[in-house]
Amino acid sequence: MPYLHTYLSPVGQLFITSDGTYLTGLRLEGQKYFPDSLENHEKNSDLKIFKDTTKWLDTYFQGKNPNFTIPTKAEGTPFRKEVWKMLSEIPYGETTTYGEIAENLAKKRGIKKMSARGVGGAVGHNPISIIVPCHRVLWAKGSLTGYAGGIDKKVQLLALEKSV
């Protein structure tokens, strides 16, 4: 059974979903690629995963680096999952670019080149915002572009981490 918890953050309402064990989604209200409906999710704030996620978010929104991880399980293609794993490795307070991720992914796969645009599509469809830090990915030359939750939210998150 899928579960739902909401969290009011400085960047707006967050919708947190779980399968009961893993975090399966963390989305900002109104973001692109939001599920059509969360009606089939049972509201339950007592799950350990939700308590741990709330603690992580509380720490994060106090401007501190949460020094623990949340177990996640995102549904997506193998390519997207590979990109999301790379997002999880971007350190708190640091940024990277779509091109750098594409370059690292190409090296990892032993190929000459990978599309930064393809990486951008995977980043944009990340279902676990903030904890899987897609906001830390910038366009070439550090320009702020693309964020399913809105550029204003991306700016707020980067400012909170003091990486802008």
N, C-alpha and C. Protein backbone atom coordinates (compact mmCIF):
# COMPACT_ATOMS: atom_id res chain seq x y z
N MET A 1 0.84 -1.18 0.00
CA MET A 1 0.00 0.00 0.00
C MET A 1 0.88 1.24 0.00
N PRO A 2 0.62 2.20 -0.86
CA PRO A 2 1.39 3.44 -0.85
C PRO A 2 0.89 4.38 0.26
N TYR A 3 1.83 5.10 0.85
CA TYR A 3 1.52 6.01 1.95
C TYR A 3 1.92 7.44 1.60
N LEU A 4 1.28 8.38 2.26
CA LEU A 4 1.50 9.81 2.00
C LEU A 4 1.64 10.57 3.31
N HIS A 5 2.58 11.49 3.31
CA HIS A 5 2.78 12.42 4.43
C HIS A 5 3.05 13.79 3.81
N THR A 6 2.55 14.83 4.41
CA THR A 6 2.85 16.18 3.91
C THR A 6 3.75 16.90 4.91
N TYR A 7 4.51 17.84 4.38
CA TYR A 7 5.47 18.59 5.18
C TYR A 7 5.46 20.03 4.68
N LEU A 8 5.26 20.96 5.58
CA LEU A 8 5.28 22.37 5.20
C LEU A 8 6.71 22.89 5.36
N SER A 9 7.31 23.25 4.25
CA SER A 9 8.71 23.69 4.24
C SER A 9 8.81 25.15 3.86
N PRO A 10 9.99 25.75 4.01
CA PRO A 10 10.20 27.13 3.56
C PRO A 10 10.02 27.32 2.05
N VAL A 11 10.07 26.24 1.27
CA VAL A 11 9.85 26.34 -0.17
C VAL A 11 8.44 25.88 -0.56
N GLY A 12 7.59 25.67 0.42
CA GLY A 12 6.21 25.28 0.16
C GLY A 12 5.89 23.89 0.65
N GLN A 13 4.67 23.48 0.37
CA GLN A 13 4.19 22.17 0.78
C GLN A 13 4.93 21.06 0.03
N LEU A 14 5.38 20.05 0.77
CA LEU A 14 6.04 18.90 0.18
C LEU A 14 5.14 17.68 0.35
N PHE A 15 5.06 16.87 -0.68
CA PHE A 15 4.30 15.63 -0.63
C PHE A 15 5.30 14.49 -0.61
N ILE A 16 5.28 13.72 0.47
CA ILE A 16 6.25 12.66 0.69
C ILE A 16 5.51 11.33 0.58
N THR A 17 6.03 10.43 -0.24
CA THR A 17 5.38 9.13 -0.41
C THR A 17 6.34 8.01 -0.05
N SER A 18 5.74 6.89 0.35
CA SER A 18 6.52 5.72 0.76
C SER A 18 5.73 4.45 0.48
N ASP A 19 6.47 3.36 0.37
CA ASP A 19 5.84 2.05 0.27
C ASP A 19 5.72 1.41 1.65
N GLY A 20 6.07 2.16 2.68
CA GLY A 20 6.04 1.66 4.05
C GLY A 20 7.43 1.43 4.60
N THR A 21 8.39 1.22 3.72
CA THR A 21 9.78 0.99 4.12
C THR A 21 10.71 2.04 3.53
N TYR A 22 10.55 2.30 2.25
CA TYR A 22 11.42 3.23 1.52
C TYR A 22 10.69 4.52 1.18
N LEU A 23 11.47 5.59 1.05
CA LEU A 23 10.95 6.85 0.52
C LEU A 23 10.84 6.68 -1.00
N THR A 24 9.64 6.87 -1.54
CA THR A 24 9.44 6.68 -2.98
C THR A 24 9.20 7.99 -3.71
N GLY A 25 8.93 9.06 -2.98
CA GLY A 25 8.71 10.35 -3.62
C GLY A 25 8.79 11.49 -2.64
N LEU A 26 9.30 12.62 -3.11
CA LEU A 26 9.30 13.87 -2.34
C LEU A 26 9.16 14.96 -3.39
N ARG A 27 7.97 15.52 -3.45
CA ARG A 27 7.67 16.48 -4.51
C ARG A 27 7.15 17.78 -3.94
N LEU A 28 7.50 18.86 -4.61
CA LEU A 28 7.00 20.17 -4.24
C LEU A 28 5.61 20.34 -4.85
N GLU A 29 4.77 21.01 -4.13
CA GLU A 29 3.43 21.27 -4.64
C GLU A 29 3.53 22.02 -5.96
N GLY A 30 2.84 21.53 -6.97
CA GLY A 30 2.80 22.20 -8.26
C GLY A 30 3.97 21.92 -9.18
N GLN A 31 4.90 21.07 -8.76
CA GLN A 31 6.05 20.83 -9.63
C GLN A 31 5.66 20.05 -10.87
N LYS A 32 6.46 20.18 -11.91
CA LYS A 32 6.25 19.42 -13.13
C LYS A 32 6.38 17.93 -12.81
N TYR A 33 5.74 17.13 -13.62
CA TYR A 33 5.82 15.68 -13.52
C TYR A 33 5.28 15.15 -12.19
N PHE A 34 4.38 15.92 -11.58
CA PHE A 34 3.74 15.51 -10.34
C PHE A 34 2.74 14.41 -10.69
N PRO A 35 2.62 13.37 -9.87
CA PRO A 35 1.64 12.32 -10.19
C PRO A 35 0.24 12.91 -10.33
N ASP A 36 -0.51 12.33 -11.24
CA ASP A 36 -1.87 12.82 -11.46
C ASP A 36 -2.70 12.83 -10.18
N SER A 37 -2.48 11.85 -9.33
CA SER A 37 -3.29 11.75 -8.13
C SER A 37 -2.53 11.04 -7.03
N LEU A 38 -2.77 11.46 -5.83
CA LEU A 38 -2.24 10.77 -4.65
C LEU A 38 -3.39 10.16 -3.85
N GLU A 39 -4.56 10.10 -4.47
CA GLU A 39 -5.76 9.63 -3.78
C GLU A 39 -5.64 8.19 -3.29
N ASN A 40 -4.87 7.36 -3.99
CA ASN A 40 -4.75 5.97 -3.58
C ASN A 40 -3.73 5.78 -2.45
N HIS A 41 -3.13 6.87 -1.97
CA HIS A 41 -2.16 6.82 -0.88
C HIS A 41 -2.88 7.01 0.46
N GLU A 42 -2.53 6.17 1.41
CA GLU A 42 -3.08 6.30 2.76
C GLU A 42 -2.24 7.30 3.54
N LYS A 43 -2.89 8.27 4.16
CA LYS A 43 -2.16 9.24 4.98
C LYS A 43 -1.73 8.56 6.27
N ASN A 44 -0.44 8.67 6.57
CA ASN A 44 0.10 8.03 7.76
C ASN A 44 1.39 8.73 8.15
N SER A 45 1.34 9.50 9.23
CA SER A 45 2.52 10.24 9.69
C SER A 45 3.35 9.43 10.68
N ASP A 46 2.86 8.25 11.06
CA ASP A 46 3.53 7.46 12.10
C ASP A 46 4.59 6.50 11.57
N LEU A 47 4.71 6.38 10.26
CA LEU A 47 5.71 5.47 9.71
C LEU A 47 7.12 5.97 10.05
N LYS A 48 8.01 5.04 10.36
CA LYS A 48 9.39 5.39 10.67
C LYS A 48 10.04 6.17 9.53
N ILE A 49 9.79 5.74 8.29
CA ILE A 49 10.39 6.42 7.15
C ILE A 49 9.96 7.89 7.10
N PHE A 50 8.72 8.19 7.46
CA PHE A 50 8.25 9.57 7.46
C PHE A 50 8.86 10.36 8.62
N LYS A 51 9.01 9.73 9.75
CA LYS A 51 9.64 10.40 10.91
C LYS A 51 11.11 10.72 10.58
N ASP A 52 11.80 9.75 9.98
CA ASP A 52 13.20 9.97 9.61
C ASP A 52 13.32 11.05 8.54
N THR A 53 12.42 11.04 7.56
CA THR A 53 12.44 12.05 6.50
C THR A 53 12.14 13.43 7.06
N THR A 54 11.20 13.52 7.97
CA THR A 54 10.88 14.80 8.62
C THR A 54 12.09 15.32 9.40
N LYS A 55 12.78 14.44 10.11
CA LYS A 55 13.98 14.84 10.84
C LYS A 55 15.05 15.34 9.87
N TRP A 56 15.22 14.64 8.74
CA TRP A 56 16.19 15.04 7.73
C TRP A 56 15.84 16.42 7.20
N LEU A 57 14.56 16.62 6.84
CA LEU A 57 14.12 17.90 6.30
C LEU A 57 14.24 19.03 7.32
N ASP A 58 13.88 18.76 8.58
CA ASP A 58 14.02 19.77 9.63
C ASP A 58 15.47 20.23 9.73
N THR A 59 16.39 19.29 9.73
CA THR A 59 17.83 19.61 9.80
C THR A 59 18.25 20.41 8.57
N TYR A 60 17.84 19.95 7.40
CA TYR A 60 18.20 20.59 6.15
C TYR A 60 17.70 22.04 6.10
N PHE A 61 16.44 22.26 6.47
CA PHE A 61 15.87 23.60 6.38
C PHE A 61 16.35 24.53 7.51
N GLN A 62 17.13 23.99 8.45
CA GLN A 62 17.82 24.84 9.42
C GLN A 62 19.17 25.29 8.88
N GLY A 63 19.45 24.93 7.62
CA GLY A 63 20.70 25.31 6.98
C GLY A 63 21.87 24.42 7.36
N LYS A 64 21.56 23.20 7.82
CA LYS A 64 22.61 22.26 8.22
C LYS A 64 22.59 21.05 7.29
N ASN A 65 23.74 20.41 7.17
CA ASN A 65 23.86 19.21 6.36
C ASN A 65 23.37 18.02 7.18
N PRO A 66 22.28 17.39 6.78
CA PRO A 66 21.86 16.18 7.50
C PRO A 66 22.92 15.10 7.28
N ASN A 67 23.46 14.59 8.35
CA ASN A 67 24.55 13.62 8.24
C ASN A 67 24.05 12.19 8.33
N PHE A 68 22.89 11.94 7.72
CA PHE A 68 22.38 10.59 7.64
C PHE A 68 21.59 10.47 6.35
N THR A 69 21.42 9.26 5.88
CA THR A 69 20.73 9.05 4.62
C THR A 69 19.35 8.44 4.87
N ILE A 70 18.49 8.66 3.93
CA ILE A 70 17.14 8.12 3.94
C ILE A 70 17.10 7.01 2.89
N PRO A 71 16.61 5.83 3.24
CA PRO A 71 16.51 4.78 2.22
C PRO A 71 15.45 5.13 1.17
N THR A 72 15.88 5.16 -0.08
CA THR A 72 14.99 5.56 -1.17
C THR A 72 14.80 4.42 -2.16
N LYS A 73 13.69 4.49 -2.86
CA LYS A 73 13.39 3.51 -3.91
C LYS A 73 12.53 4.23 -4.95
N ALA A 74 13.19 4.71 -5.98
CA ALA A 74 12.50 5.47 -7.01
C ALA A 74 12.24 4.58 -8.22
N GLU A 75 11.06 4.73 -8.79
CA GLU A 75 10.70 3.99 -9.99
C GLU A 75 11.15 4.78 -11.22
N GLY A 76 11.81 4.10 -12.14
CA GLY A 76 12.25 4.76 -13.36
C GLY A 76 13.04 3.79 -14.22
N THR A 77 13.44 4.28 -15.38
CA THR A 77 14.24 3.45 -16.28
C THR A 77 15.63 3.25 -15.68
N PRO A 78 16.34 2.24 -16.13
CA PRO A 78 17.71 2.05 -15.65
C PRO A 78 18.59 3.30 -15.84
N PHE A 79 18.43 3.98 -16.98
CA PHE A 79 19.20 5.20 -17.23
C PHE A 79 18.89 6.26 -16.18
N ARG A 80 17.59 6.51 -15.93
CA ARG A 80 17.21 7.52 -14.93
C ARG A 80 17.74 7.14 -13.56
N LYS A 81 17.62 5.89 -13.19
CA LYS A 81 18.11 5.45 -11.87
C LYS A 81 19.61 5.68 -11.74
N GLU A 82 20.33 5.47 -12.83
CA GLU A 82 21.78 5.70 -12.83
C GLU A 82 22.09 7.19 -12.62
N VAL A 83 21.34 8.05 -13.30
CA VAL A 83 21.52 9.49 -13.13
C VAL A 83 21.15 9.90 -11.70
N TRP A 84 20.04 9.40 -11.17
CA TRP A 84 19.61 9.76 -9.81
C TRP A 84 20.64 9.32 -8.77
N LYS A 85 21.27 8.16 -9.00
CA LYS A 85 22.32 7.73 -8.08
C LYS A 85 23.47 8.73 -8.09
N MET A 86 23.81 9.22 -9.28
CA MET A 86 24.89 10.21 -9.38
C MET A 86 24.49 11.51 -8.68
N LEU A 87 23.21 11.89 -8.77
CA LEU A 87 22.74 13.09 -8.06
C LEU A 87 22.96 12.94 -6.56
N SER A 88 22.69 11.74 -6.05
CA SER A 88 22.83 11.49 -4.61
C SER A 88 24.27 11.64 -4.13
N GLU A 89 25.20 11.61 -5.05
CA GLU A 89 26.61 11.71 -4.70
C GLU A 89 27.14 13.14 -4.74
N ILE A 90 26.30 14.11 -5.13
CA ILE A 90 26.74 15.51 -5.14
C ILE A 90 26.75 16.00 -3.70
N PRO A 91 27.89 16.42 -3.18
CA PRO A 91 27.96 16.84 -1.78
C PRO A 91 27.11 18.08 -1.48
N TYR A 92 26.65 18.13 -0.25
CA TYR A 92 25.90 19.28 0.26
C TYR A 92 26.72 20.55 0.03
N GLY A 93 26.07 21.58 -0.48
CA GLY A 93 26.73 22.87 -0.68
C GLY A 93 27.56 22.96 -1.95
N GLU A 94 27.58 21.90 -2.75
CA GLU A 94 28.32 21.91 -4.00
C GLU A 94 27.36 21.76 -5.17
N THR A 95 27.83 22.12 -6.35
CA THR A 95 27.02 21.98 -7.55
C THR A 95 27.83 21.28 -8.63
N THR A 96 27.13 20.83 -9.64
CA THR A 96 27.75 20.26 -10.82
C THR A 96 26.92 20.70 -12.01
N THR A 97 27.29 20.25 -13.19
CA THR A 97 26.52 20.61 -14.39
C THR A 97 25.99 19.35 -15.06
N TYR A 98 25.00 19.55 -15.92
CA TYR A 98 24.47 18.44 -16.71
C TYR A 98 25.58 17.81 -17.54
N GLY A 99 26.43 18.65 -18.10
CA GLY A 99 27.54 18.18 -18.92
C GLY A 99 28.53 17.33 -18.13
N GLU A 100 28.83 17.74 -16.90
CA GLU A 100 29.75 16.96 -16.07
C GLU A 100 29.17 15.59 -15.73
N ILE A 101 27.87 15.57 -15.42
CA ILE A 101 27.22 14.28 -15.15
C ILE A 101 27.27 13.41 -16.40
N ALA A 102 26.97 13.99 -17.57
CA ALA A 102 27.01 13.23 -18.82
C ALA A 102 28.41 12.69 -19.08
N GLU A 103 29.41 13.51 -18.84
CA GLU A 103 30.80 13.09 -19.06
C GLU A 103 31.17 11.94 -18.11
N ASN A 104 30.81 12.07 -16.84
CA ASN A 104 31.11 11.01 -15.86
C ASN A 104 30.36 9.72 -16.19
N LEU A 105 29.14 9.86 -16.63
CA LEU A 105 28.33 8.69 -17.00
C LEU A 105 28.92 7.99 -18.23
N ALA A 106 29.37 8.78 -19.19
CA ALA A 106 30.00 8.20 -20.38
C ALA A 106 31.27 7.43 -19.99
N LYS A 107 32.09 8.02 -19.12
CA LYS A 107 33.31 7.33 -18.66
C LYS A 107 32.95 6.03 -17.95
N LYS A 108 31.96 6.10 -17.10
CA LYS A 108 31.53 4.93 -16.34
C LYS A 108 31.06 3.81 -17.28
N ARG A 109 30.41 4.18 -18.35
CA ARG A 109 29.89 3.20 -19.31
C ARG A 109 30.92 2.82 -20.37
N GLY A 110 32.06 3.50 -20.37
CA GLY A 110 33.11 3.19 -21.33
C GLY A 110 32.77 3.63 -22.75
N ILE A 111 32.01 4.72 -22.85
CA ILE A 111 31.68 5.26 -24.17
C ILE A 111 32.27 6.65 -24.31
N LYS A 112 32.33 7.13 -25.53
CA LYS A 112 33.00 8.40 -25.81
C LYS A 112 32.20 9.61 -25.32
N LYS A 113 30.89 9.58 -25.53
CA LYS A 113 30.09 10.76 -25.25
C LYS A 113 28.69 10.37 -24.79
N MET A 114 28.09 11.24 -23.98
CA MET A 114 26.72 11.05 -23.50
C MET A 114 26.03 12.40 -23.61
N SER A 115 24.77 12.40 -23.92
CA SER A 115 24.01 13.63 -24.11
C SER A 115 23.69 14.32 -22.78
N ALA A 116 24.11 15.56 -22.66
CA ALA A 116 23.75 16.37 -21.48
C ALA A 116 22.25 16.61 -21.46
N ARG A 117 21.64 16.70 -22.63
CA ARG A 117 20.19 16.89 -22.71
C ARG A 117 19.45 15.67 -22.16
N GLY A 118 19.95 14.48 -22.48
CA GLY A 118 19.36 13.24 -21.95
C GLY A 118 19.48 13.19 -20.44
N VAL A 119 20.64 13.60 -19.94
CA VAL A 119 20.83 13.68 -18.49
C VAL A 119 19.85 14.67 -17.89
N GLY A 120 19.66 15.80 -18.57
CA GLY A 120 18.72 16.81 -18.09
C GLY A 120 17.31 16.27 -17.97
N GLY A 121 16.90 15.45 -18.91
CA GLY A 121 15.58 14.84 -18.85
C GLY A 121 15.44 13.93 -17.63
N ALA A 122 16.48 13.15 -17.36
CA ALA A 122 16.46 12.27 -16.19
C ALA A 122 16.45 13.08 -14.91
N VAL A 123 17.26 14.12 -14.85
CA VAL A 123 17.32 14.97 -13.66
C VAL A 123 15.94 15.60 -13.41
N GLY A 124 15.31 16.09 -14.47
CA GLY A 124 14.00 16.73 -14.35
C GLY A 124 12.90 15.81 -13.87
N HIS A 125 13.06 14.51 -14.09
CA HIS A 125 12.05 13.55 -13.67
C HIS A 125 12.38 12.88 -12.34
N ASN A 126 13.35 13.41 -11.62
CA ASN A 126 13.71 12.88 -10.31
C ASN A 126 12.49 12.96 -9.38
N PRO A 127 12.01 11.82 -8.87
CA PRO A 127 10.81 11.86 -8.03
C PRO A 127 11.09 12.16 -6.56
N ILE A 128 12.37 12.25 -6.19
CA ILE A 128 12.70 12.46 -4.78
C ILE A 128 13.52 13.74 -4.66
N SER A 129 12.85 14.87 -4.85
CA SER A 129 13.52 16.17 -4.80
C SER A 129 14.18 16.40 -3.44
N ILE A 130 15.12 17.30 -3.42
CA ILE A 130 15.84 17.78 -2.25
C ILE A 130 16.75 16.69 -1.67
N ILE A 131 16.21 15.55 -1.27
CA ILE A 131 17.03 14.48 -0.71
C ILE A 131 17.92 13.87 -1.80
N VAL A 132 17.38 13.69 -2.98
CA VAL A 132 18.18 13.35 -4.17
C VAL A 132 18.32 14.70 -4.88
N PRO A 133 19.45 15.38 -4.63
CA PRO A 133 19.56 16.83 -4.87
C PRO A 133 19.70 17.28 -6.32
N CYS A 134 18.61 17.18 -7.08
CA CYS A 134 18.63 17.64 -8.46
C CYS A 134 18.79 19.17 -8.55
N HIS A 135 18.49 19.88 -7.46
CA HIS A 135 18.65 21.34 -7.46
C HIS A 135 20.12 21.75 -7.53
N ARG A 136 21.03 20.83 -7.28
CA ARG A 136 22.46 21.13 -7.32
C ARG A 136 23.06 21.03 -8.71
N VAL A 137 22.22 20.76 -9.71
CA VAL A 137 22.70 20.63 -11.07
C VAL A 137 22.41 21.92 -11.84
N LEU A 138 23.46 22.47 -12.43
CA LEU A 138 23.37 23.73 -13.17
C LEU A 138 23.64 23.48 -14.64
N TRP A 139 23.30 24.45 -15.45
CA TRP A 139 23.60 24.37 -16.87
C TRP A 139 25.06 24.79 -17.05
N ALA A 140 25.56 24.69 -18.24
CA ALA A 140 26.94 25.07 -18.53
C ALA A 140 27.24 26.47 -18.01
N LYS A 141 28.44 26.67 -17.57
CA LYS A 141 28.91 27.96 -17.06
C LYS A 141 28.16 28.41 -15.81
N GLY A 142 27.51 27.46 -15.13
CA GLY A 142 26.88 27.76 -13.85
C GLY A 142 25.55 28.47 -13.90
N SER A 143 24.95 28.59 -15.08
CA SER A 143 23.67 29.29 -15.14
C SER A 143 22.56 28.43 -14.56
N LEU A 144 21.63 29.10 -13.89
CA LEU A 144 20.50 28.43 -13.26
C LEU A 144 19.41 28.21 -14.30
N THR A 145 19.17 26.97 -14.59
CA THR A 145 18.10 26.65 -15.52
C THR A 145 17.51 25.32 -15.13
N GLY A 146 16.27 25.16 -15.42
CA GLY A 146 15.61 23.89 -15.21
C GLY A 146 15.51 23.43 -13.79
N TYR A 147 14.33 23.36 -13.29
CA TYR A 147 14.03 22.73 -12.00
C TYR A 147 12.53 22.49 -11.99
N ALA A 148 12.15 21.23 -11.84
CA ALA A 148 10.73 20.87 -11.92
C ALA A 148 9.89 21.61 -10.89
N GLY A 149 10.51 22.00 -9.79
CA GLY A 149 9.78 22.74 -8.75
C GLY A 149 9.75 24.24 -8.98
N GLY A 150 10.47 24.71 -9.99
CA GLY A 150 10.54 26.14 -10.30
C GLY A 150 11.90 26.71 -9.96
N ILE A 151 12.38 27.60 -10.82
CA ILE A 151 13.71 28.21 -10.61
C ILE A 151 13.78 28.93 -9.27
N ASP A 152 12.70 29.58 -8.85
CA ASP A 152 12.71 30.30 -7.58
C ASP A 152 13.00 29.35 -6.41
N LYS A 153 12.48 28.14 -6.47
CA LYS A 153 12.73 27.14 -5.41
C LYS A 153 14.18 26.65 -5.47
N LYS A 154 14.69 26.49 -6.69
CA LYS A 154 16.08 26.07 -6.86
C LYS A 154 17.01 27.11 -6.24
N VAL A 155 16.74 28.37 -6.50
CA VAL A 155 17.55 29.46 -5.94
C VAL A 155 17.49 29.43 -4.41
N GLN A 156 16.29 29.23 -3.85
CA GLN A 156 16.14 29.16 -2.39
C GLN A 156 16.95 28.01 -1.81
N LEU A 157 16.88 26.84 -2.44
CA LEU A 157 17.60 25.67 -1.92
C LEU A 157 19.11 25.87 -2.00
N LEU A 158 19.58 26.41 -3.12
CA LEU A 158 21.02 26.66 -3.25
C LEU A 158 21.49 27.72 -2.27
N ALA A 159 20.67 28.75 -2.05
CA ALA A 159 21.03 29.79 -1.08
C ALA A 159 21.08 29.20 0.33
N LEU A 160 20.16 28.32 0.64
CA LEU A 160 20.15 27.67 1.95
C LEU A 160 21.46 26.91 2.16
N GLU A 161 21.92 26.26 1.10
CA GLU A 161 23.19 25.53 1.17
C GLU A 161 24.39 26.45 0.94
N LYS A 162 24.12 27.71 0.65
CA LYS A 162 25.15 28.72 0.40
C LYS A 162 26.05 28.36 -0.77
N SER A 163 25.42 27.76 -1.81
CA SER A 163 26.20 27.39 -3.00
C SER A 163 25.86 28.29 -4.18
N VAL A 164 25.22 29.46 -3.91
CA VAL A 164 25.01 30.45 -4.97
C VAL A 164 25.62 31.76 -4.55
